[in-house]
Amino acid sequence: MSFDVGTYSSFEQMAKGEWHLPIDNATLNAVRRRSQNLMRDFNEERHPERARTIAEEWLGAVGGGSTVVAPAFIEYGRNTFIGPEVFINAKVTILDSAPVTIEKGALIGPDVRLITVNHPVYDVEMRRHGWEKADPITIEEEAWIGAGVTVLPGVRIGARSVIGAGAIVTTDIPADSLALGVPARVVDTLENSQEKWERDELPDGVPVRAMDYRHTITKR
């Protein structure tokens, strides 16, 4: 039987979440080389404005006011979409075989791993012969992903939710939730939690929106 493995190795199949073979072919190699070159340039660049220009070329989208702290490892780049006012701390790893979307105002801590790609779990022979499948990850608006968190394929983190440091997120987390542990479990709700607001610890007269009083923003 003849079989053309190239029919199962396109970037489009990979990004759509179909079973695929990430073999060496001209298209995938070109995407990988492009990402590797831009990643190197981004991680070595020390001028904030030039680094942002590189990031805008490297990634699928970078919203206004967003910051990505080097070094960063993002496998393909073009499948990563960063909204406005996002902050991504150092040493993020994003395996973006499928789309990774980080929405407005989200915070990503250091050493966070966003992994969209998966291998066969039960079919050892299929796994041994290189088959992969990817599912998208979405981090909704104003969610905070703590240091060292791993988010696995197909997960959606709800708006304003907080994922505690070191958690491994295997399933969707609803909006306004605090999730901790391995695997991550919702331990509290953040909705209608005014009695726990940290603003009560601020000195009298200090506004919550203190950043609005700055005339300029210092770039990292």
N, C-alpha and C. Protein backbone atom coordinates (compact mmCIF):
# COMPACT_ATOMS: atom_id res chain seq x y z
N MET A 1 0.85 -1.20 0.00
CA MET A 1 0.00 0.00 0.00
C MET A 1 0.88 1.24 0.00
N SER A 2 0.58 2.17 -0.87
CA SER A 2 1.30 3.44 -0.89
C SER A 2 0.55 4.47 -0.06
N PHE A 3 1.32 5.31 0.60
CA PHE A 3 0.71 6.33 1.46
C PHE A 3 1.62 7.54 1.48
N ASP A 4 1.07 8.70 1.23
CA ASP A 4 1.82 9.95 1.23
C ASP A 4 1.65 10.62 2.60
N VAL A 5 2.69 10.55 3.43
CA VAL A 5 2.58 11.14 4.77
C VAL A 5 2.39 12.64 4.71
N GLY A 6 2.78 13.23 3.57
CA GLY A 6 2.62 14.67 3.45
C GLY A 6 1.18 15.13 3.51
N THR A 7 0.24 14.22 3.21
CA THR A 7 -1.18 14.60 3.27
C THR A 7 -1.65 14.77 4.71
N TYR A 8 -0.84 14.36 5.68
CA TYR A 8 -1.20 14.51 7.08
C TYR A 8 -0.17 15.34 7.84
N SER A 9 0.47 16.26 7.16
CA SER A 9 1.53 17.03 7.82
C SER A 9 1.48 18.51 7.51
N SER A 10 0.29 19.03 7.22
CA SER A 10 0.19 20.45 6.89
C SER A 10 0.00 21.28 8.16
N PHE A 11 0.43 22.53 8.08
CA PHE A 11 0.25 23.46 9.19
C PHE A 11 -1.23 23.66 9.48
N GLU A 12 -2.05 23.68 8.43
CA GLU A 12 -3.48 23.90 8.60
C GLU A 12 -4.14 22.75 9.36
N GLN A 13 -3.76 21.51 9.03
CA GLN A 13 -4.30 20.36 9.77
C GLN A 13 -3.92 20.43 11.24
N MET A 14 -2.67 20.75 11.49
CA MET A 14 -2.20 20.87 12.86
C MET A 14 -2.99 21.92 13.62
N ALA A 15 -3.14 23.10 13.03
CA ALA A 15 -3.81 24.20 13.72
C ALA A 15 -5.29 23.93 13.94
N LYS A 16 -5.92 23.10 13.07
CA LYS A 16 -7.35 22.80 13.20
C LYS A 16 -7.63 21.68 14.19
N GLY A 17 -6.60 21.08 14.76
CA GLY A 17 -6.81 20.05 15.76
C GLY A 17 -7.01 18.66 15.19
N GLU A 18 -6.56 18.43 13.96
CA GLU A 18 -6.66 17.10 13.38
C GLU A 18 -5.41 16.28 13.73
N TRP A 19 -5.56 14.96 13.74
CA TRP A 19 -4.37 14.13 13.89
C TRP A 19 -3.43 14.41 12.73
N HIS A 20 -2.15 14.62 13.05
CA HIS A 20 -1.19 14.98 12.02
C HIS A 20 0.18 14.41 12.36
N LEU A 21 1.06 14.46 11.38
CA LEU A 21 2.44 13.99 11.53
C LEU A 21 3.36 15.19 11.36
N PRO A 22 3.99 15.67 12.44
CA PRO A 22 4.83 16.87 12.35
C PRO A 22 6.21 16.56 11.76
N ILE A 23 6.21 15.97 10.57
CA ILE A 23 7.45 15.55 9.94
C ILE A 23 8.16 16.74 9.32
N ASP A 24 9.39 16.48 8.91
CA ASP A 24 10.14 17.51 8.21
C ASP A 24 9.57 17.68 6.81
N ASN A 25 8.90 18.78 6.58
CA ASN A 25 8.51 19.13 5.22
C ASN A 25 8.74 20.61 5.02
N ALA A 26 8.70 21.04 3.79
CA ALA A 26 9.11 22.41 3.49
C ALA A 26 8.28 23.44 4.22
N THR A 27 6.96 23.23 4.29
CA THR A 27 6.09 24.23 4.90
C THR A 27 6.32 24.33 6.40
N LEU A 28 6.24 23.21 7.11
CA LEU A 28 6.43 23.24 8.55
C LEU A 28 7.84 23.70 8.92
N ASN A 29 8.84 23.25 8.17
CA ASN A 29 10.21 23.68 8.45
C ASN A 29 10.36 25.18 8.28
N ALA A 30 9.71 25.74 7.27
CA ALA A 30 9.80 27.19 7.05
C ALA A 30 9.16 27.95 8.21
N VAL A 31 8.02 27.47 8.70
CA VAL A 31 7.36 28.12 9.83
C VAL A 31 8.23 28.02 11.08
N ARG A 32 8.82 26.85 11.30
CA ARG A 32 9.68 26.67 12.48
C ARG A 32 10.92 27.56 12.40
N ARG A 33 11.55 27.60 11.24
CA ARG A 33 12.76 28.42 11.10
C ARG A 33 12.44 29.89 11.31
N ARG A 34 11.33 30.33 10.73
CA ARG A 34 10.93 31.72 10.91
C ARG A 34 10.75 32.04 12.39
N SER A 35 10.05 31.17 13.11
CA SER A 35 9.82 31.40 14.53
C SER A 35 11.12 31.37 15.32
N GLN A 36 11.99 30.42 15.01
CA GLN A 36 13.26 30.33 15.73
C GLN A 36 14.11 31.58 15.52
N ASN A 37 14.14 32.08 14.31
CA ASN A 37 14.94 33.28 14.03
C ASN A 37 14.38 34.51 14.75
N LEU A 38 13.06 34.68 14.67
CA LEU A 38 12.45 35.83 15.33
C LEU A 38 12.52 35.70 16.85
N MET A 39 12.40 34.47 17.36
CA MET A 39 12.53 34.25 18.80
C MET A 39 13.92 34.63 19.28
N ARG A 40 14.93 34.23 18.53
CA ARG A 40 16.30 34.59 18.90
C ARG A 40 16.47 36.11 18.89
N ASP A 41 15.98 36.77 17.85
CA ASP A 41 16.10 38.22 17.77
C ASP A 41 15.38 38.90 18.93
N PHE A 42 14.18 38.42 19.24
CA PHE A 42 13.41 39.00 20.34
C PHE A 42 14.13 38.84 21.67
N ASN A 43 14.63 37.64 21.93
CA ASN A 43 15.25 37.37 23.23
C ASN A 43 16.58 38.10 23.41
N GLU A 44 17.23 38.44 22.30
CA GLU A 44 18.52 39.14 22.39
C GLU A 44 18.37 40.66 22.35
N GLU A 45 17.22 41.14 21.91
CA GLU A 45 17.02 42.58 21.76
C GLU A 45 16.83 43.25 23.13
N ARG A 46 17.52 44.34 23.37
CA ARG A 46 17.43 45.04 24.65
C ARG A 46 16.65 46.35 24.56
N HIS A 47 16.34 46.80 23.37
CA HIS A 47 15.59 48.04 23.20
C HIS A 47 14.10 47.72 23.14
N PRO A 48 13.28 48.24 24.07
CA PRO A 48 11.86 47.85 24.15
C PRO A 48 11.08 48.04 22.86
N GLU A 49 11.29 49.17 22.18
CA GLU A 49 10.50 49.42 20.97
C GLU A 49 10.88 48.45 19.85
N ARG A 50 12.17 48.16 19.72
CA ARG A 50 12.59 47.20 18.69
C ARG A 50 12.09 45.79 19.04
N ALA A 51 12.12 45.45 20.34
CA ALA A 51 11.61 44.14 20.76
C ALA A 51 10.14 44.00 20.42
N ARG A 52 9.38 45.05 20.62
CA ARG A 52 7.95 44.99 20.30
C ARG A 52 7.73 44.81 18.80
N THR A 53 8.52 45.51 18.00
CA THR A 53 8.40 45.36 16.55
C THR A 53 8.66 43.92 16.12
N ILE A 54 9.66 43.29 16.74
CA ILE A 54 9.95 41.88 16.44
C ILE A 54 8.78 41.00 16.86
N ALA A 55 8.24 41.26 18.07
CA ALA A 55 7.12 40.46 18.57
C ALA A 55 5.91 40.57 17.64
N GLU A 56 5.66 41.75 17.11
CA GLU A 56 4.52 41.94 16.21
C GLU A 56 4.70 41.16 14.92
N GLU A 57 5.94 41.00 14.47
CA GLU A 57 6.21 40.18 13.29
C GLU A 57 6.16 38.70 13.61
N TRP A 58 6.62 38.34 14.81
CA TRP A 58 6.75 36.94 15.22
C TRP A 58 5.40 36.29 15.51
N LEU A 59 4.54 37.00 16.26
CA LEU A 59 3.31 36.42 16.79
C LEU A 59 2.11 36.73 15.90
N GLY A 60 1.02 35.97 16.14
CA GLY A 60 -0.20 36.19 15.37
C GLY A 60 -0.81 37.55 15.62
N ALA A 61 -0.72 38.05 16.86
CA ALA A 61 -1.22 39.37 17.22
C ALA A 61 -0.61 39.78 18.54
N VAL A 62 -0.35 41.08 18.68
CA VAL A 62 0.12 41.65 19.95
C VAL A 62 -0.65 42.95 20.16
N GLY A 63 -1.51 42.98 21.17
CA GLY A 63 -2.34 44.16 21.41
C GLY A 63 -1.56 45.31 22.02
N GLY A 64 -2.14 46.49 21.92
CA GLY A 64 -1.51 47.68 22.46
C GLY A 64 -1.33 47.60 23.97
N GLY A 65 -0.18 48.09 24.44
CA GLY A 65 0.09 48.12 25.87
C GLY A 65 0.49 46.79 26.46
N SER A 66 0.71 45.78 25.64
CA SER A 66 1.10 44.46 26.15
C SER A 66 2.61 44.34 26.27
N THR A 67 3.05 43.52 27.22
CA THR A 67 4.47 43.30 27.47
C THR A 67 4.76 41.81 27.52
N VAL A 68 5.80 41.39 26.81
CA VAL A 68 6.34 40.03 26.92
C VAL A 68 7.78 40.17 27.38
N VAL A 69 8.10 39.61 28.54
CA VAL A 69 9.45 39.72 29.10
C VAL A 69 10.30 38.57 28.58
N ALA A 70 11.45 38.88 28.01
CA ALA A 70 12.38 37.86 27.54
C ALA A 70 13.11 37.21 28.72
N PRO A 71 13.53 35.94 28.55
CA PRO A 71 13.38 35.12 27.36
C PRO A 71 12.01 34.45 27.29
N ALA A 72 11.57 34.22 26.07
CA ALA A 72 10.31 33.52 25.83
C ALA A 72 10.55 32.44 24.79
N PHE A 73 9.89 31.29 24.97
CA PHE A 73 9.94 30.23 23.96
C PHE A 73 8.52 30.02 23.44
N ILE A 74 8.32 30.32 22.17
CA ILE A 74 7.02 30.14 21.52
C ILE A 74 7.29 29.39 20.22
N GLU A 75 6.73 28.20 20.10
CA GLU A 75 7.16 27.27 19.06
C GLU A 75 6.93 27.78 17.65
N TYR A 76 5.70 28.13 17.32
CA TYR A 76 5.39 28.57 15.96
C TYR A 76 5.15 30.07 15.85
N GLY A 77 4.69 30.70 16.91
CA GLY A 77 4.51 32.14 16.92
C GLY A 77 3.23 32.60 16.27
N ARG A 78 3.01 32.21 15.04
CA ARG A 78 1.85 32.72 14.30
C ARG A 78 0.52 32.21 14.86
N ASN A 79 0.54 31.20 15.73
CA ASN A 79 -0.69 30.70 16.37
C ASN A 79 -0.89 31.27 17.77
N THR A 80 -0.10 32.27 18.15
CA THR A 80 -0.24 32.89 19.47
C THR A 80 -0.81 34.30 19.30
N PHE A 81 -1.92 34.57 19.97
CA PHE A 81 -2.65 35.83 19.82
C PHE A 81 -2.77 36.50 21.18
N ILE A 82 -2.12 37.65 21.33
CA ILE A 82 -2.06 38.36 22.61
C ILE A 82 -2.89 39.63 22.49
N GLY A 83 -3.86 39.79 23.37
CA GLY A 83 -4.71 40.96 23.36
C GLY A 83 -4.04 42.17 23.98
N PRO A 84 -4.77 43.28 24.12
CA PRO A 84 -4.20 44.49 24.70
C PRO A 84 -4.00 44.37 26.21
N GLU A 85 -3.00 45.10 26.70
CA GLU A 85 -2.75 45.25 28.14
C GLU A 85 -2.46 43.92 28.83
N VAL A 86 -1.88 43.00 28.10
CA VAL A 86 -1.47 41.70 28.65
C VAL A 86 -0.04 41.81 29.17
N PHE A 87 0.25 41.14 30.28
CA PHE A 87 1.63 41.07 30.79
C PHE A 87 2.04 39.61 30.87
N ILE A 88 3.13 39.27 30.19
CA ILE A 88 3.68 37.91 30.21
C ILE A 88 5.08 37.98 30.77
N ASN A 89 5.30 37.33 31.90
CA ASN A 89 6.60 37.39 32.56
C ASN A 89 7.59 36.44 31.89
N ALA A 90 8.82 36.45 32.41
CA ALA A 90 9.93 35.76 31.77
C ALA A 90 9.76 34.24 31.75
N LYS A 91 10.40 33.61 30.77
CA LYS A 91 10.52 32.16 30.62
C LYS A 91 9.19 31.47 30.34
N VAL A 92 8.28 32.17 29.69
CA VAL A 92 7.05 31.51 29.26
C VAL A 92 7.39 30.51 28.16
N THR A 93 6.69 29.38 28.16
CA THR A 93 6.78 28.40 27.09
C THR A 93 5.39 28.22 26.49
N ILE A 94 5.27 28.46 25.20
CA ILE A 94 4.00 28.28 24.51
C ILE A 94 4.22 27.35 23.33
N LEU A 95 3.63 26.16 23.41
CA LEU A 95 3.65 25.23 22.28
C LEU A 95 2.34 25.42 21.53
N ASP A 96 2.38 26.26 20.52
CA ASP A 96 1.17 26.73 19.85
C ASP A 96 0.91 25.99 18.54
N SER A 97 0.89 24.67 18.60
CA SER A 97 0.46 23.91 17.42
C SER A 97 -0.98 24.27 17.06
N ALA A 98 -1.82 24.47 18.07
CA ALA A 98 -3.17 25.03 17.91
C ALA A 98 -3.15 26.45 18.47
N PRO A 99 -4.15 27.25 18.15
CA PRO A 99 -4.14 28.64 18.60
C PRO A 99 -4.13 28.79 20.12
N VAL A 100 -3.32 29.74 20.58
CA VAL A 100 -3.29 30.16 21.98
C VAL A 100 -3.74 31.62 22.00
N THR A 101 -4.83 31.90 22.71
CA THR A 101 -5.39 33.24 22.77
C THR A 101 -5.32 33.74 24.21
N ILE A 102 -4.68 34.89 24.40
CA ILE A 102 -4.55 35.50 25.73
C ILE A 102 -5.25 36.85 25.64
N GLU A 103 -6.38 36.97 26.32
CA GLU A 103 -7.25 38.13 26.13
C GLU A 103 -6.84 39.33 26.99
N LYS A 104 -7.52 40.41 26.78
CA LYS A 104 -7.20 41.71 27.36
C LYS A 104 -6.96 41.65 28.87
N GLY A 105 -5.84 42.25 29.29
CA GLY A 105 -5.57 42.43 30.71
C GLY A 105 -5.14 41.20 31.46
N ALA A 106 -4.91 40.08 30.77
CA ALA A 106 -4.48 38.86 31.47
C ALA A 106 -3.04 39.01 31.95
N LEU A 107 -2.73 38.33 33.05
CA LEU A 107 -1.38 38.30 33.61
C LEU A 107 -0.86 36.87 33.56
N ILE A 108 0.33 36.70 33.01
CA ILE A 108 0.96 35.38 32.91
C ILE A 108 2.25 35.43 33.71
N GLY A 109 2.36 34.62 34.76
CA GLY A 109 3.52 34.64 35.63
C GLY A 109 4.74 34.00 35.00
N PRO A 110 5.89 34.05 35.71
CA PRO A 110 7.11 33.45 35.18
C PRO A 110 7.02 31.94 35.11
N ASP A 111 7.72 31.38 34.13
CA ASP A 111 7.83 29.92 33.97
C ASP A 111 6.49 29.24 33.70
N VAL A 112 5.53 29.96 33.16
CA VAL A 112 4.24 29.36 32.80
C VAL A 112 4.41 28.57 31.50
N ARG A 113 3.69 27.45 31.41
CA ARG A 113 3.72 26.61 30.21
C ARG A 113 2.30 26.44 29.67
N LEU A 114 2.11 26.84 28.42
CA LEU A 114 0.83 26.69 27.73
C LEU A 114 1.06 25.68 26.60
N ILE A 115 0.50 24.48 26.76
CA ILE A 115 0.82 23.35 25.90
C ILE A 115 -0.42 22.92 25.13
N THR A 116 -0.45 23.16 23.83
CA THR A 116 -1.64 22.77 23.05
C THR A 116 -1.52 21.38 22.45
N VAL A 117 -0.32 20.85 22.34
CA VAL A 117 -0.11 19.61 21.59
C VAL A 117 -0.19 18.39 22.49
N ASN A 118 -0.74 17.31 21.95
CA ASN A 118 -0.91 16.07 22.71
C ASN A 118 -0.51 14.89 21.83
N HIS A 119 -0.23 13.77 22.47
CA HIS A 119 0.10 12.53 21.78
C HIS A 119 -0.95 11.47 22.15
N PRO A 120 -1.08 10.40 21.37
CA PRO A 120 -2.01 9.33 21.75
C PRO A 120 -1.67 8.78 23.14
N VAL A 121 -2.68 8.60 23.95
CA VAL A 121 -2.49 8.09 25.31
C VAL A 121 -2.59 6.57 25.34
N TYR A 122 -3.58 6.01 24.68
CA TYR A 122 -3.86 4.57 24.77
C TYR A 122 -3.21 3.78 23.64
N ASP A 123 -3.01 4.42 22.51
CA ASP A 123 -2.48 3.73 21.33
C ASP A 123 -0.96 3.93 21.27
N VAL A 124 -0.22 3.00 21.85
CA VAL A 124 1.23 3.13 21.95
C VAL A 124 1.87 3.14 20.57
N GLU A 125 1.39 2.28 19.67
CA GLU A 125 2.00 2.21 18.34
C GLU A 125 1.81 3.52 17.59
N MET A 126 0.61 4.10 17.70
CA MET A 126 0.36 5.39 17.06
C MET A 126 1.28 6.46 17.63
N ARG A 127 1.46 6.44 18.95
CA ARG A 127 2.35 7.41 19.59
C ARG A 127 3.79 7.22 19.13
N ARG A 128 4.23 5.97 19.06
CA ARG A 128 5.60 5.68 18.66
C ARG A 128 5.90 6.16 17.25
N HIS A 129 4.87 6.17 16.41
CA HIS A 129 5.08 6.56 15.01
C HIS A 129 4.79 8.05 14.78
N GLY A 130 4.71 8.82 15.85
CA GLY A 130 4.79 10.26 15.72
C GLY A 130 3.51 11.04 15.57
N TRP A 131 2.35 10.41 15.71
CA TRP A 131 1.10 11.15 15.54
C TRP A 131 0.90 12.14 16.68
N GLU A 132 0.37 13.30 16.34
CA GLU A 132 0.07 14.34 17.32
C GLU A 132 -1.29 14.95 17.01
N LYS A 133 -1.85 15.58 18.04
CA LYS A 133 -3.11 16.31 17.89
C LYS A 133 -3.05 17.51 18.82
N ALA A 134 -3.57 18.64 18.37
CA ALA A 134 -3.50 19.86 19.18
C ALA A 134 -4.89 20.44 19.39
N ASP A 135 -5.10 21.03 20.57
CA ASP A 135 -6.36 21.69 20.90
C ASP A 135 -6.05 23.07 21.46
N PRO A 136 -6.86 24.08 21.11
CA PRO A 136 -6.55 25.46 21.48
C PRO A 136 -6.66 25.73 22.97
N ILE A 137 -5.94 26.74 23.41
CA ILE A 137 -5.99 27.24 24.78
C ILE A 137 -6.44 28.69 24.74
N THR A 138 -7.35 29.05 25.64
CA THR A 138 -7.80 30.44 25.75
C THR A 138 -7.69 30.89 27.20
N ILE A 139 -7.02 32.02 27.40
CA ILE A 139 -6.95 32.70 28.70
C ILE A 139 -7.82 33.94 28.57
N GLU A 140 -8.95 33.97 29.26
CA GLU A 140 -9.89 35.07 29.07
C GLU A 140 -9.46 36.34 29.81
N GLU A 141 -10.21 37.39 29.59
CA GLU A 141 -9.86 38.73 30.08
C GLU A 141 -9.57 38.75 31.58
N GLU A 142 -8.45 39.40 31.92
CA GLU A 142 -8.07 39.72 33.30
C GLU A 142 -7.85 38.49 34.17
N ALA A 143 -7.67 37.33 33.56
CA ALA A 143 -7.27 36.16 34.34
C ALA A 143 -5.81 36.31 34.74
N TRP A 144 -5.43 35.68 35.85
CA TRP A 144 -4.05 35.71 36.33
C TRP A 144 -3.58 34.26 36.47
N ILE A 145 -2.54 33.92 35.72
CA ILE A 145 -1.95 32.60 35.74
C ILE A 145 -0.66 32.69 36.55
N GLY A 146 -0.60 32.05 37.71
CA GLY A 146 0.52 32.19 38.63
C GLY A 146 1.79 31.51 38.13
N ALA A 147 2.88 31.77 38.84
CA ALA A 147 4.19 31.26 38.45
C ALA A 147 4.20 29.74 38.36
N GLY A 148 4.83 29.23 37.30
CA GLY A 148 5.04 27.80 37.17
C GLY A 148 3.81 26.98 36.84
N VAL A 149 2.73 27.61 36.45
CA VAL A 149 1.50 26.89 36.09
C VAL A 149 1.67 26.23 34.72
N THR A 150 1.10 25.04 34.58
CA THR A 150 1.03 24.37 33.28
C THR A 150 -0.44 24.27 32.87
N VAL A 151 -0.75 24.75 31.68
CA VAL A 151 -2.10 24.66 31.12
C VAL A 151 -2.05 23.68 29.95
N LEU A 152 -2.88 22.65 30.01
CA LEU A 152 -2.83 21.57 29.03
C LEU A 152 -3.81 21.78 27.87
N PRO A 153 -3.72 20.96 26.81
CA PRO A 153 -4.49 21.20 25.59
C PRO A 153 -6.00 21.31 25.81
N GLY A 154 -6.60 22.26 25.09
CA GLY A 154 -8.05 22.40 25.07
C GLY A 154 -8.65 23.16 26.23
N VAL A 155 -7.83 23.71 27.11
CA VAL A 155 -8.34 24.35 28.33
C VAL A 155 -8.70 25.81 28.07
N ARG A 156 -9.78 26.25 28.71
CA ARG A 156 -10.19 27.66 28.71
C ARG A 156 -10.21 28.13 30.16
N ILE A 157 -9.47 29.20 30.44
CA ILE A 157 -9.46 29.82 31.76
C ILE A 157 -10.42 31.00 31.72
N GLY A 158 -11.44 30.98 32.58
CA GLY A 158 -12.47 32.00 32.55
C GLY A 158 -11.99 33.38 32.97
N ALA A 159 -12.73 34.39 32.57
CA ALA A 159 -12.38 35.78 32.85
C ALA A 159 -12.23 36.02 34.35
N ARG A 160 -11.19 36.76 34.69
CA ARG A 160 -10.89 37.22 36.06
C ARG A 160 -10.50 36.09 37.01
N SER A 161 -10.37 34.88 36.52
CA SER A 161 -9.99 33.77 37.39
C SER A 161 -8.51 33.84 37.74
N VAL A 162 -8.15 33.21 38.86
CA VAL A 162 -6.77 33.15 39.33
C VAL A 162 -6.37 31.68 39.45
N ILE A 163 -5.22 31.33 38.86
CA ILE A 163 -4.68 29.98 38.96
C ILE A 163 -3.43 30.05 39.82
N GLY A 164 -3.44 29.36 40.96
CA GLY A 164 -2.35 29.44 41.91
C GLY A 164 -1.06 28.84 41.37
N ALA A 165 0.06 29.34 41.89
CA ALA A 165 1.38 28.93 41.42
C ALA A 165 1.55 27.41 41.46
N GLY A 166 2.15 26.88 40.40
CA GLY A 166 2.47 25.46 40.33
C GLY A 166 1.34 24.54 39.95
N ALA A 167 0.16 25.07 39.72
CA ALA A 167 -0.99 24.23 39.37
C ALA A 167 -0.81 23.63 37.97
N ILE A 168 -1.45 22.49 37.75
CA ILE A 168 -1.55 21.90 36.42
C ILE A 168 -3.02 21.88 36.05
N VAL A 169 -3.37 22.63 35.01
CA VAL A 169 -4.77 22.83 34.65
C VAL A 169 -5.12 21.87 33.51
N THR A 170 -6.00 20.93 33.80
CA THR A 170 -6.37 19.89 32.83
C THR A 170 -7.77 20.07 32.27
N THR A 171 -8.60 20.89 32.93
CA THR A 171 -9.98 21.12 32.48
C THR A 171 -10.30 22.60 32.56
N ASP A 172 -11.39 23.00 31.92
CA ASP A 172 -11.80 24.40 31.93
C ASP A 172 -12.02 24.90 33.35
N ILE A 173 -11.68 26.18 33.57
CA ILE A 173 -11.93 26.85 34.84
C ILE A 173 -12.95 27.94 34.60
N PRO A 174 -14.07 27.95 35.36
CA PRO A 174 -15.09 28.98 35.14
C PRO A 174 -14.58 30.38 35.46
N ALA A 175 -15.28 31.37 34.98
CA ALA A 175 -14.95 32.75 35.30
C ALA A 175 -15.05 33.00 36.80
N ASP A 176 -14.27 33.96 37.27
CA ASP A 176 -14.32 34.41 38.66
C ASP A 176 -14.07 33.27 39.65
N SER A 177 -13.06 32.45 39.34
CA SER A 177 -12.74 31.31 40.20
C SER A 177 -11.29 31.37 40.65
N LEU A 178 -11.03 30.83 41.84
CA LEU A 178 -9.68 30.60 42.33
C LEU A 178 -9.44 29.11 42.26
N ALA A 179 -8.42 28.69 41.49
CA ALA A 179 -8.12 27.27 41.31
C ALA A 179 -6.69 26.99 41.74
N LEU A 180 -6.52 25.90 42.48
CA LEU A 180 -5.21 25.53 43.01
C LEU A 180 -4.97 24.05 42.81
N GLY A 181 -3.70 23.65 42.81
CA GLY A 181 -3.36 22.24 42.95
C GLY A 181 -3.06 21.49 41.68
N VAL A 182 -2.78 20.19 41.88
CA VAL A 182 -2.44 19.27 40.79
C VAL A 182 -3.32 18.03 40.90
N PRO A 183 -4.30 17.86 40.01
CA PRO A 183 -4.71 18.84 39.00
C PRO A 183 -5.45 20.01 39.64
N ALA A 184 -5.53 21.12 38.93
CA ALA A 184 -6.17 22.32 39.48
C ALA A 184 -7.65 22.08 39.76
N ARG A 185 -8.09 22.52 40.92
CA ARG A 185 -9.49 22.43 41.32
C ARG A 185 -9.94 23.80 41.84
N VAL A 186 -11.18 24.15 41.55
CA VAL A 186 -11.73 25.41 42.05
C VAL A 186 -11.95 25.30 43.55
N VAL A 187 -11.34 26.22 44.30
CA VAL A 187 -11.45 26.19 45.76
C VAL A 187 -12.23 27.38 46.31
N ASP A 188 -12.47 28.38 45.46
CA ASP A 188 -13.22 29.55 45.94
C ASP A 188 -13.74 30.30 44.73
N THR A 189 -14.76 31.13 44.97
CA THR A 189 -15.27 32.00 43.93
C THR A 189 -14.81 33.42 44.21
N LEU A 190 -14.50 34.15 43.15
CA LEU A 190 -14.05 35.54 43.29
C LEU A 190 -15.17 36.52 43.00
N GLU A 191 -16.34 36.00 42.66
CA GLU A 191 -17.49 36.86 42.39
C GLU A 191 -18.11 37.31 43.70
N ASN A 192 -18.48 38.58 43.77
CA ASN A 192 -19.09 39.14 44.98
C ASN A 192 -18.23 38.89 46.22
N SER A 193 -16.92 39.13 46.04
CA SER A 193 -15.99 38.88 47.15
C SER A 193 -15.45 40.18 47.75
N GLN A 194 -16.31 41.21 47.75
CA GLN A 194 -15.86 42.52 48.22
C GLN A 194 -15.30 42.48 49.64
N GLU A 195 -15.82 41.57 50.46
CA GLU A 195 -15.35 41.53 51.85
C GLU A 195 -13.90 41.07 51.95
N LYS A 196 -13.35 40.53 50.84
CA LYS A 196 -11.96 40.06 50.83
C LYS A 196 -11.04 40.98 50.04
N TRP A 197 -11.57 42.07 49.53
CA TRP A 197 -10.76 42.95 48.69
C TRP A 197 -9.52 43.43 49.44
N GLU A 198 -8.37 43.34 48.77
CA GLU A 198 -7.11 43.78 49.36
C GLU A 198 -7.01 45.29 49.47
N ARG A 199 -7.88 46.03 48.79
CA ARG A 199 -7.79 47.49 48.82
C ARG A 199 -7.96 48.03 50.24
N ASP A 200 -8.58 47.26 51.11
CA ASP A 200 -8.74 47.72 52.49
C ASP A 200 -7.41 47.82 53.22
N GLU A 201 -6.36 47.19 52.67
CA GLU A 201 -5.04 47.25 53.28
C GLU A 201 -4.25 48.48 52.85
N LEU A 202 -4.75 49.23 51.86
CA LEU A 202 -4.07 50.44 51.42
C LEU A 202 -4.25 51.56 52.45
N PRO A 203 -3.26 52.43 52.59
CA PRO A 203 -3.42 53.59 53.48
C PRO A 203 -4.58 54.46 53.02
N ASP A 204 -5.18 55.17 53.94
CA ASP A 204 -6.27 56.08 53.61
C ASP A 204 -5.83 57.08 52.55
N GLY A 205 -6.68 57.30 51.59
CA GLY A 205 -6.40 58.29 50.55
C GLY A 205 -5.64 57.77 49.35
N VAL A 206 -5.17 56.52 49.40
CA VAL A 206 -4.44 55.96 48.25
C VAL A 206 -5.45 55.32 47.31
N PRO A 207 -5.53 55.79 46.05
CA PRO A 207 -6.54 55.26 45.12
C PRO A 207 -6.14 53.89 44.59
N VAL A 208 -7.14 53.06 44.35
CA VAL A 208 -6.89 51.77 43.72
C VAL A 208 -6.29 51.96 42.33
N ARG A 209 -6.79 52.94 41.60
CA ARG A 209 -6.32 53.18 40.23
C ARG A 209 -5.16 54.17 40.22
N ALA A 210 -4.17 53.93 41.07
CA ALA A 210 -3.04 54.84 41.20
C ALA A 210 -2.26 54.98 39.90
N MET A 211 -2.25 53.91 39.07
CA MET A 211 -1.50 53.97 37.82
C MET A 211 -2.05 55.03 36.87
N ASP A 212 -3.31 55.41 37.04
CA ASP A 212 -3.89 56.44 36.19
C ASP A 212 -3.23 57.79 36.40
N TYR A 213 -2.51 57.94 37.51
CA TYR A 213 -1.89 59.21 37.85
C TYR A 213 -0.50 59.35 37.25
N ARG A 214 -0.01 58.32 36.60
CA ARG A 214 1.30 58.41 35.98
C ARG A 214 1.18 59.06 34.61
N HIS A 215 2.09 59.99 34.33
CA HIS A 215 2.07 60.67 33.04
C HIS A 215 2.75 59.84 31.97
N THR A 216 3.71 59.02 32.37
CA THR A 216 4.41 58.16 31.42
C THR A 216 4.49 56.76 32.00
N ILE A 217 4.57 55.79 31.14
CA ILE A 217 4.71 54.40 31.53
C ILE A 217 6.14 53.96 31.25
N THR A 218 6.81 53.46 32.26
CA THR A 218 8.17 52.96 32.08
C THR A 218 8.12 51.61 31.41
N LYS A 219 8.80 51.50 30.29
CA LYS A 219 8.81 50.23 29.56
C LYS A 219 9.91 49.33 30.10
N ARG A 220 9.62 48.04 30.13
CA ARG A 220 10.63 47.07 30.56
C ARG A 220 11.61 46.81 29.43
